[in-house]
Amino acid sequence: MSWFSRVTLLASPRGEGDNLRDLRVHPYRQHQALWRMFECPEDTPQPFLFRQLPDEDGGVLRFLVVSRERPREIPGWRMECKPYEPKLREGDLYRFDIRLNPTRTEASPEGRGKRQDYVMSRLHQLQVSPARRAAERQRVVHEELPEWLRRRGERNGFGIESCHVGRYEILRMQKGMHGITLGVAEFRGTLRVEDPEKLTTTLLEGLGHGRSFGLGLLLLKPC
């Protein structure tokens, strides 16, 4: 059985103190805080997906979490957990919402593929002039990224009926001693279930890269 949870920060967790503001804006700090809810070492595969919810109550920090095991209660957090057993049927339509790190693989001189941010890679490939860069970036985001997601859907059990990219931004953050830069796009639209088993796996395990930064959690609502 899997679990779908809504977790809310009620007070600064022990040890966070002065870092509470950092926790609000730093996805990897959020990932570290949420990991404490699961009894497994950090050198194992991430046992959960998460997404930060919009702030609607003057600074309250909330997350949606999907996990194979129920999160354990820890001081300073409120847990609202329910069993999560998606029941999908081929042909059903759902409204979807997902934040993703769109990437593409480029061949390197050594012959090994290297993963690149899709938007930045395309702008470099197209050799866009500085005067046209902003306009071309918008075109890539709103025309090419929906097609990028359609191709991913074919491998993950769903087809795209409609898709809109509401926002694309570059996130820069630290992970340990390393700087991380991620392009993040917010996709919304309607999908059609094509392979219930594959789509269920996607719902439980996520889609794409950047899951330790709050990306890849696919949210569905029946049409």
C-alpha atoms as a PDB file:
ATOM      1  CA  MET A   1       0.000   0.000   0.000  1.00  0.00           C
ATOM      2  CA  SER A   2       1.126   3.544  -0.752  1.00  0.00           C
ATOM      3  CA  TRP A   3       0.236   6.784   1.017  1.00  0.00           C
ATOM      4  CA  PHE A   4      -0.836  10.259  -0.048  1.00  0.00           C
ATOM      5  CA  SER A   5      -0.090  12.787   2.690  1.00  0.00           C
ATOM      6  CA  ARG A   6      -0.479  16.482   3.348  1.00  0.00           C
ATOM      7  CA  VAL A   7       2.154  17.616   5.828  1.00  0.00           C
ATOM      8  CA  THR A   8       2.237  21.040   7.462  1.00  0.00           C
ATOM      9  CA  LEU A   9       5.063  22.687   9.372  1.00  0.00           C
ATOM     10  CA  LEU A  10       3.649  23.832  12.721  1.00  0.00           C
ATOM     11  CA  ALA A  11       6.905  24.995  14.299  1.00  0.00           C
ATOM     12  CA  SER A  12      10.576  25.137  13.479  1.00  0.00           C
ATOM     13  CA  PRO A  13      11.902  21.556  13.566  1.00  0.00           C
ATOM     14  CA  ARG A  14      14.666  20.922  16.057  1.00  0.00           C
ATOM     15  CA  GLY A  15      17.954  21.923  14.506  1.00  0.00           C
ATOM     16  CA  GLU A  16      16.405  24.195  11.862  1.00  0.00           C
ATOM     17  CA  GLY A  17      16.147  27.355  13.982  1.00  0.00           C
ATOM     18  CA  ASP A  18      17.747  30.147  11.998  1.00  0.00           C
ATOM     19  CA  ASN A  19      17.477  28.041   8.851  1.00  0.00           C
ATOM     20  CA  LEU A  20      13.671  28.163   8.778  1.00  0.00           C
ATOM     21  CA  ARG A  21      13.645  30.829   6.083  1.00  0.00           C
ATOM     22  CA  ASP A  22      16.063  28.720   4.047  1.00  0.00           C
ATOM     23  CA  LEU A  23      13.719  25.749   4.445  1.00  0.00           C
ATOM     24  CA  ARG A  24      10.883  27.756   2.914  1.00  0.00           C
ATOM     25  CA  VAL A  25      12.749  28.559  -0.291  1.00  0.00           C
ATOM     26  CA  HIS A  26      15.324  25.782  -0.723  1.00  0.00           C
ATOM     27  CA  PRO A  27      13.886  22.560  -2.228  1.00  0.00           C
ATOM     28  CA  TYR A  28      16.819  20.378  -1.176  1.00  0.00           C
ATOM     29  CA  ARG A  29      16.507  21.541   2.451  1.00  0.00           C
ATOM     30  CA  GLN A  30      12.825  20.587   2.210  1.00  0.00           C
ATOM     31  CA  HIS A  31      13.824  17.176   0.886  1.00  0.00           C
ATOM     32  CA  GLN A  32      16.170  16.662   3.845  1.00  0.00           C
ATOM     33  CA  ALA A  33      13.494  17.715   6.347  1.00  0.00           C
ATOM     34  CA  LEU A  34      10.857  15.412   4.840  1.00  0.00           C
ATOM     35  CA  TRP A  35      13.276  12.467   4.738  1.00  0.00           C
ATOM     36  CA  ARG A  36      13.227  12.456   8.564  1.00  0.00           C
ATOM     37  CA  MET A  37       9.652  11.185   8.336  1.00  0.00           C
ATOM     38  CA  PHE A  38      10.877   7.889   6.897  1.00  0.00           C
ATOM     39  CA  GLU A  39      12.942   5.227   8.630  1.00  0.00           C
ATOM     40  CA  CYS A  40      15.563   4.609   5.979  1.00  0.00           C
ATOM     41  CA  PRO A  41      19.133   5.910   5.578  1.00  0.00           C
ATOM     42  CA  GLU A  42      19.843   8.770   3.200  1.00  0.00           C
ATOM     43  CA  ASP A  43      22.137   6.619   1.052  1.00  0.00           C
ATOM     44  CA  THR A  44      19.131   4.565  -0.114  1.00  0.00           C
ATOM     45  CA  PRO A  45      16.839   5.543  -3.021  1.00  0.00           C
ATOM     46  CA  GLN A  46      14.475   8.382  -2.114  1.00  0.00           C
ATOM     47  CA  PRO A  47      11.376   6.742  -0.553  1.00  0.00           C
ATOM     48  CA  PHE A  48       8.937   9.541  -1.391  1.00  0.00           C
ATOM     49  CA  LEU A  49       7.864  12.223  -3.862  1.00  0.00           C
ATOM     50  CA  PHE A  50       6.915  15.688  -2.708  1.00  0.00           C
ATOM     51  CA  ARG A  51       5.663  19.041  -3.859  1.00  0.00           C
ATOM     52  CA  GLN A  52       5.458  22.308  -1.961  1.00  0.00           C
ATOM     53  CA  LEU A  53       1.968  23.794  -1.901  1.00  0.00           C
ATOM     54  CA  PRO A  54       1.324  27.500  -2.550  1.00  0.00           C
ATOM     55  CA  ASP A  55       1.405  29.701   0.550  1.00  0.00           C
ATOM     56  CA  GLU A  56      -2.225  30.654   1.221  1.00  0.00           C
ATOM     57  CA  ASP A  57      -2.057  31.374   4.958  1.00  0.00           C
ATOM     58  CA  GLY A  58       0.662  33.927   5.515  1.00  0.00           C
ATOM     59  CA  GLY A  59       3.779  31.816   5.644  1.00  0.00           C
ATOM     60  CA  VAL A  60       2.455  28.328   6.451  1.00  0.00           C
ATOM     61  CA  LEU A  61       4.682  25.686   4.858  1.00  0.00           C
ATOM     62  CA  ARG A  62       2.790  22.701   3.396  1.00  0.00           C
ATOM     63  CA  PHE A  63       3.696  19.754   1.187  1.00  0.00           C
ATOM     64  CA  LEU A  64       2.005  16.933  -0.638  1.00  0.00           C
ATOM     65  CA  VAL A  65       3.910  13.672  -0.208  1.00  0.00           C
ATOM     66  CA  VAL A  66       3.463  10.317  -1.977  1.00  0.00           C
ATOM     67  CA  SER A  67       5.290   7.385  -0.388  1.00  0.00           C
ATOM     68  CA  ARG A  68       5.359   3.593  -0.200  1.00  0.00           C
ATOM     69  CA  GLU A  69       5.243   3.717   3.589  1.00  0.00           C
ATOM     70  CA  ARG A  70       3.276   5.950   5.923  1.00  0.00           C
ATOM     71  CA  PRO A  71       5.287   8.971   7.146  1.00  0.00           C
ATOM     72  CA  ARG A  72       6.053   8.769  10.837  1.00  0.00           C
ATOM     73  CA  GLU A  73       4.996  11.503  13.218  1.00  0.00           C
ATOM     74  CA  ILE A  74       7.785  13.929  14.100  1.00  0.00           C
ATOM     75  CA  PRO A  75       7.626  16.997  16.369  1.00  0.00           C
ATOM     76  CA  GLY A  76       6.666  20.265  14.726  1.00  0.00           C
ATOM     77  CA  TRP A  77       4.721  18.749  11.815  1.00  0.00           C
ATOM     78  CA  ARG A  78       1.060  17.868  11.302  1.00  0.00           C
ATOM     79  CA  MET A  79       0.426  14.736   9.224  1.00  0.00           C
ATOM     80  CA  GLU A  80      -2.763  14.093   7.262  1.00  0.00           C
ATOM     81  CA  CYS A  81      -2.298  10.692   5.631  1.00  0.00           C
ATOM     82  CA  LYS A  82      -4.576   8.428   3.619  1.00  0.00           C
ATOM     83  CA  PRO A  83      -4.005   5.210   1.667  1.00  0.00           C
ATOM     84  CA  TYR A  84      -3.203   5.841  -1.982  1.00  0.00           C
ATOM     85  CA  GLU A  85      -4.332   3.145  -4.405  1.00  0.00           C
ATOM     86  CA  PRO A  86      -4.955   4.698  -7.842  1.00  0.00           C
ATOM     87  CA  LYS A  87      -7.709   2.937  -9.782  1.00  0.00           C
ATOM     88  CA  LEU A  88      -7.196   3.829 -13.420  1.00  0.00           C
ATOM     89  CA  ARG A  89      -9.024   2.602 -16.496  1.00  0.00           C
ATOM     90  CA  GLU A  90      -7.839   2.799 -20.071  1.00  0.00           C
ATOM     91  CA  GLY A  91      -9.457   5.738 -21.850  1.00  0.00           C
ATOM     92  CA  ASP A  92     -10.322   7.723 -18.710  1.00  0.00           C
ATOM     93  CA  LEU A  93      -9.560  11.459 -18.795  1.00  0.00           C
ATOM     94  CA  TYR A  94      -7.921  13.410 -15.972  1.00  0.00           C
ATOM     95  CA  ARG A  95      -6.818  16.969 -15.408  1.00  0.00           C
ATOM     96  CA  PHE A  96      -3.137  16.919 -14.514  1.00  0.00           C
ATOM     97  CA  ASP A  97      -0.664  19.209 -12.780  1.00  0.00           C
ATOM     98  CA  ILE A  98       3.070  18.529 -12.564  1.00  0.00           C
ATOM     99  CA  ARG A  99       6.358  20.401 -12.086  1.00  0.00           C
ATOM    100  CA  LEU A 100       9.214  18.959 -14.136  1.00  0.00           C
ATOM    101  CA  ASN A 101      12.830  19.491 -15.112  1.00  0.00           C
ATOM    102  CA  PRO A 102      12.667  19.137 -18.931  1.00  0.00           C
ATOM    103  CA  THR A 103      15.942  17.773 -20.312  1.00  0.00           C
ATOM    104  CA  ARG A 104      17.394  16.352 -23.504  1.00  0.00           C
ATOM    105  CA  THR A 105      20.483  14.234 -24.088  1.00  0.00           C
ATOM    106  CA  GLU A 106      23.231  15.568 -26.330  1.00  0.00           C
ATOM    107  CA  ALA A 107      26.126  13.555 -27.722  1.00  0.00           C
ATOM    108  CA  SER A 108      29.520  14.563 -26.364  1.00  0.00           C
ATOM    109  CA  PRO A 109      32.902  14.336 -28.163  1.00  0.00           C
ATOM    110  CA  GLU A 110      33.638  11.235 -26.072  1.00  0.00           C
ATOM    111  CA  GLY A 111      30.524   9.592 -27.484  1.00  0.00           C
ATOM    112  CA  ARG A 112      28.642   9.586 -24.190  1.00  0.00           C
ATOM    113  CA  GLY A 113      25.298  11.310 -23.926  1.00  0.00           C
ATOM    114  CA  LYS A 114      25.116  14.329 -21.627  1.00  0.00           C
ATOM    115  CA  ARG A 115      21.848  15.512 -20.102  1.00  0.00           C
ATOM    116  CA  GLN A 116      21.099  19.201 -20.690  1.00  0.00           C
ATOM    117  CA  ASP A 117      18.280  21.561 -19.784  1.00  0.00           C
ATOM    118  CA  TYR A 118      15.893  21.363 -22.734  1.00  0.00           C
ATOM    119  CA  VAL A 119      15.174  25.078 -23.143  1.00  0.00           C
ATOM    120  CA  MET A 120      18.757  26.293 -22.754  1.00  0.00           C
ATOM    121  CA  SER A 121      20.048  23.528 -25.009  1.00  0.00           C
ATOM    122  CA  ARG A 122      17.563  24.382 -27.750  1.00  0.00           C
ATOM    123  CA  LEU A 123      18.404  28.090 -27.618  1.00  0.00           C
ATOM    124  CA  HIS A 124      22.077  27.229 -27.974  1.00  0.00           C
ATOM    125  CA  GLN A 125      21.338  24.837 -30.841  1.00  0.00           C
ATOM    126  CA  LEU A 126      19.234  27.424 -32.671  1.00  0.00           C
ATOM    127  CA  GLN A 127      21.972  30.070 -32.258  1.00  0.00           C
ATOM    128  CA  VAL A 128      19.422  32.725 -31.377  1.00  0.00           C
ATOM    129  CA  SER A 129      20.610  36.326 -31.458  1.00  0.00           C
ATOM    130  CA  PRO A 130      20.450  38.292 -28.178  1.00  0.00           C
ATOM    131  CA  ALA A 131      17.690  40.494 -29.623  1.00  0.00           C
ATOM    132  CA  ARG A 132      15.440  37.486 -30.270  1.00  0.00           C
ATOM    133  CA  ARG A 133      16.422  35.313 -27.323  1.00  0.00           C
ATOM    134  CA  ALA A 134      13.500  36.235 -25.036  1.00  0.00           C
ATOM    135  CA  ALA A 135      10.891  35.710 -27.760  1.00  0.00           C
ATOM    136  CA  GLU A 136      12.442  32.428 -28.882  1.00  0.00           C
ATOM    137  CA  ARG A 137      12.629  31.201 -25.309  1.00  0.00           C
ATOM    138  CA  GLN A 138       8.884  31.790 -24.950  1.00  0.00           C
ATOM    139  CA  ARG A 139       8.260  29.897 -28.173  1.00  0.00           C
ATOM    140  CA  VAL A 140      10.319  26.918 -27.021  1.00  0.00           C
ATOM    141  CA  VAL A 141       8.590  26.893 -23.622  1.00  0.00           C
ATOM    142  CA  HIS A 142       5.026  27.105 -24.932  1.00  0.00           C
ATOM    143  CA  GLU A 143       5.347  25.151 -28.190  1.00  0.00           C
ATOM    144  CA  GLU A 144       8.110  22.598 -27.695  1.00  0.00           C
ATOM    145  CA  LEU A 145       7.768  21.663 -24.023  1.00  0.00           C
ATOM    146  CA  PRO A 146       4.188  20.329 -24.420  1.00  0.00           C
ATOM    147  CA  GLU A 147       5.505  18.096 -27.213  1.00  0.00           C
ATOM    148  CA  TRP A 148       8.386  17.035 -24.942  1.00  0.00           C
ATOM    149  CA  LEU A 149       5.837  15.952 -22.316  1.00  0.00           C
ATOM    150  CA  ARG A 150       3.745  14.133 -24.931  1.00  0.00           C
ATOM    151  CA  ARG A 151       6.756  11.969 -25.795  1.00  0.00           C
ATOM    152  CA  ARG A 152       7.371  11.224 -22.118  1.00  0.00           C
ATOM    153  CA  GLY A 153       3.728  10.300 -21.717  1.00  0.00           C
ATOM    154  CA  GLU A 154       3.969   7.658 -24.433  1.00  0.00           C
ATOM    155  CA  ARG A 155       6.551   5.834 -22.299  1.00  0.00           C
ATOM    156  CA  ASN A 156       4.703   6.333 -19.014  1.00  0.00           C
ATOM    157  CA  GLY A 157       1.170   5.206 -19.741  1.00  0.00           C
ATOM    158  CA  PHE A 158      -0.670   8.360 -20.787  1.00  0.00           C
ATOM    159  CA  GLY A 159      -1.520  10.478 -23.804  1.00  0.00           C
ATOM    160  CA  ILE A 160      -1.809  14.263 -23.803  1.00  0.00           C
ATOM    161  CA  GLU A 161      -5.195  15.707 -24.774  1.00  0.00           C
ATOM    162  CA  SER A 162      -4.248  19.295 -23.944  1.00  0.00           C
ATOM    163  CA  CYS A 163      -1.244  20.899 -22.267  1.00  0.00           C
ATOM    164  CA  HIS A 164      -0.244  24.378 -21.124  1.00  0.00           C
ATOM    165  CA  VAL A 165       3.062  25.464 -19.604  1.00  0.00           C
ATOM    166  CA  GLY A 166       2.118  28.054 -17.017  1.00  0.00           C
ATOM    167  CA  ARG A 167       5.604  28.950 -15.854  1.00  0.00           C
ATOM    168  CA  TYR A 168       9.243  28.215 -16.596  1.00  0.00           C
ATOM    169  CA  GLU A 169      12.018  29.331 -14.271  1.00  0.00           C
ATOM    170  CA  ILE A 170      15.662  28.651 -13.494  1.00  0.00           C
ATOM    171  CA  LEU A 171      16.377  27.499  -9.931  1.00  0.00           C
ATOM    172  CA  ARG A 172      19.885  27.888  -8.530  1.00  0.00           C
ATOM    173  CA  MET A 173      20.716  26.216  -5.229  1.00  0.00           C
ATOM    174  CA  GLN A 174      23.355  24.327  -3.282  1.00  0.00           C
ATOM    175  CA  LYS A 175      23.441  20.564  -2.721  1.00  0.00           C
ATOM    176  CA  GLY A 176      26.283  19.911  -0.338  1.00  0.00           C
ATOM    177  CA  MET A 177      29.393  21.528  -1.814  1.00  0.00           C
ATOM    178  CA  HIS A 178      27.981  21.664  -5.321  1.00  0.00           C
ATOM    179  CA  GLY A 179      25.928  24.320  -7.058  1.00  0.00           C
ATOM    180  CA  ILE A 180      22.824  23.039  -8.850  1.00  0.00           C
ATOM    181  CA  THR A 181      20.977  24.778 -11.680  1.00  0.00           C
ATOM    182  CA  LEU A 182      17.600  23.414 -12.791  1.00  0.00           C
ATOM    183  CA  GLY A 183      15.100  24.578 -15.363  1.00  0.00           C
ATOM    184  CA  VAL A 184      11.624  23.983 -13.941  1.00  0.00           C
ATOM    185  CA  ALA A 185       8.377  24.037 -15.920  1.00  0.00           C
ATOM    186  CA  GLU A 186       4.826  23.806 -14.571  1.00  0.00           C
ATOM    187  CA  PHE A 187       2.587  21.742 -16.839  1.00  0.00           C
ATOM    188  CA  ARG A 188      -1.212  21.617 -16.634  1.00  0.00           C
ATOM    189  CA  GLY A 189      -3.785  20.117 -18.936  1.00  0.00           C
ATOM    190  CA  THR A 190      -5.764  16.964 -19.649  1.00  0.00           C
ATOM    191  CA  LEU A 191      -4.405  13.467 -20.134  1.00  0.00           C
ATOM    192  CA  ARG A 192      -5.888  10.172 -21.277  1.00  0.00           C
ATOM    193  CA  VAL A 193      -5.043   6.880 -19.573  1.00  0.00           C
ATOM    194  CA  GLU A 194      -3.438   4.551 -22.133  1.00  0.00           C
ATOM    195  CA  ASP A 195      -1.699   1.983 -19.923  1.00  0.00           C
ATOM    196  CA  PRO A 196      -3.130   1.901 -16.369  1.00  0.00           C
ATOM    197  CA  GLU A 197      -0.241  -0.149 -14.979  1.00  0.00           C
ATOM    198  CA  LYS A 198       2.477   2.139 -16.343  1.00  0.00           C
ATOM    199  CA  LEU A 199       0.624   5.280 -15.278  1.00  0.00           C
ATOM    200  CA  THR A 200       0.131   3.892 -11.766  1.00  0.00           C
ATOM    201  CA  THR A 201       3.892   3.341 -11.554  1.00  0.00           C
ATOM    202  CA  THR A 202       4.421   6.945 -12.680  1.00  0.00           C
ATOM    203  CA  LEU A 203       2.056   8.221  -9.981  1.00  0.00           C
ATOM    204  CA  LEU A 204       3.926   6.297  -7.280  1.00  0.00           C
ATOM    205  CA  GLU A 205       7.513   6.725  -8.501  1.00  0.00           C
ATOM    206  CA  GLY A 206       7.398  10.087 -10.281  1.00  0.00           C
ATOM    207  CA  LEU A 207       8.354  11.375 -13.703  1.00  0.00           C
ATOM    208  CA  GLY A 208      11.646  12.822 -14.878  1.00  0.00           C
ATOM    209  CA  HIS A 209      14.638  14.109 -12.933  1.00  0.00           C
ATOM    210  CA  GLY A 210      14.967  16.395  -9.909  1.00  0.00           C
ATOM    211  CA  ARG A 211      12.761  14.455  -7.502  1.00  0.00           C
ATOM    212  CA  SER A 212      14.933  15.472  -4.548  1.00  0.00           C
ATOM    213  CA  PHE A 213      14.035  19.081  -5.429  1.00  0.00           C
ATOM    214  CA  GLY A 214      10.263  18.612  -5.268  1.00  0.00           C
ATOM    215  CA  LEU A 215       9.756  17.730  -8.942  1.00  0.00           C
ATOM    216  CA  GLY A 216       8.085  14.817 -10.721  1.00  0.00           C
ATOM    217  CA  LEU A 217       4.941  14.328  -8.605  1.00  0.00           C
ATOM    218  CA  LEU A 218       2.016  13.901 -11.016  1.00  0.00           C
ATOM    219  CA  LEU A 219      -1.303  15.132  -9.590  1.00  0.00           C
ATOM    220  CA  LEU A 220      -4.572  13.981 -11.194  1.00  0.00           C
ATOM    221  CA  LYS A 221      -8.245  14.983 -10.871  1.00  0.00           C
ATOM    222  CA  PRO A 222     -11.055  13.265 -12.791  1.00  0.00           C
ATOM    223  CA  CYS A 223     -12.546  15.363 -15.583  1.00  0.00           C
END
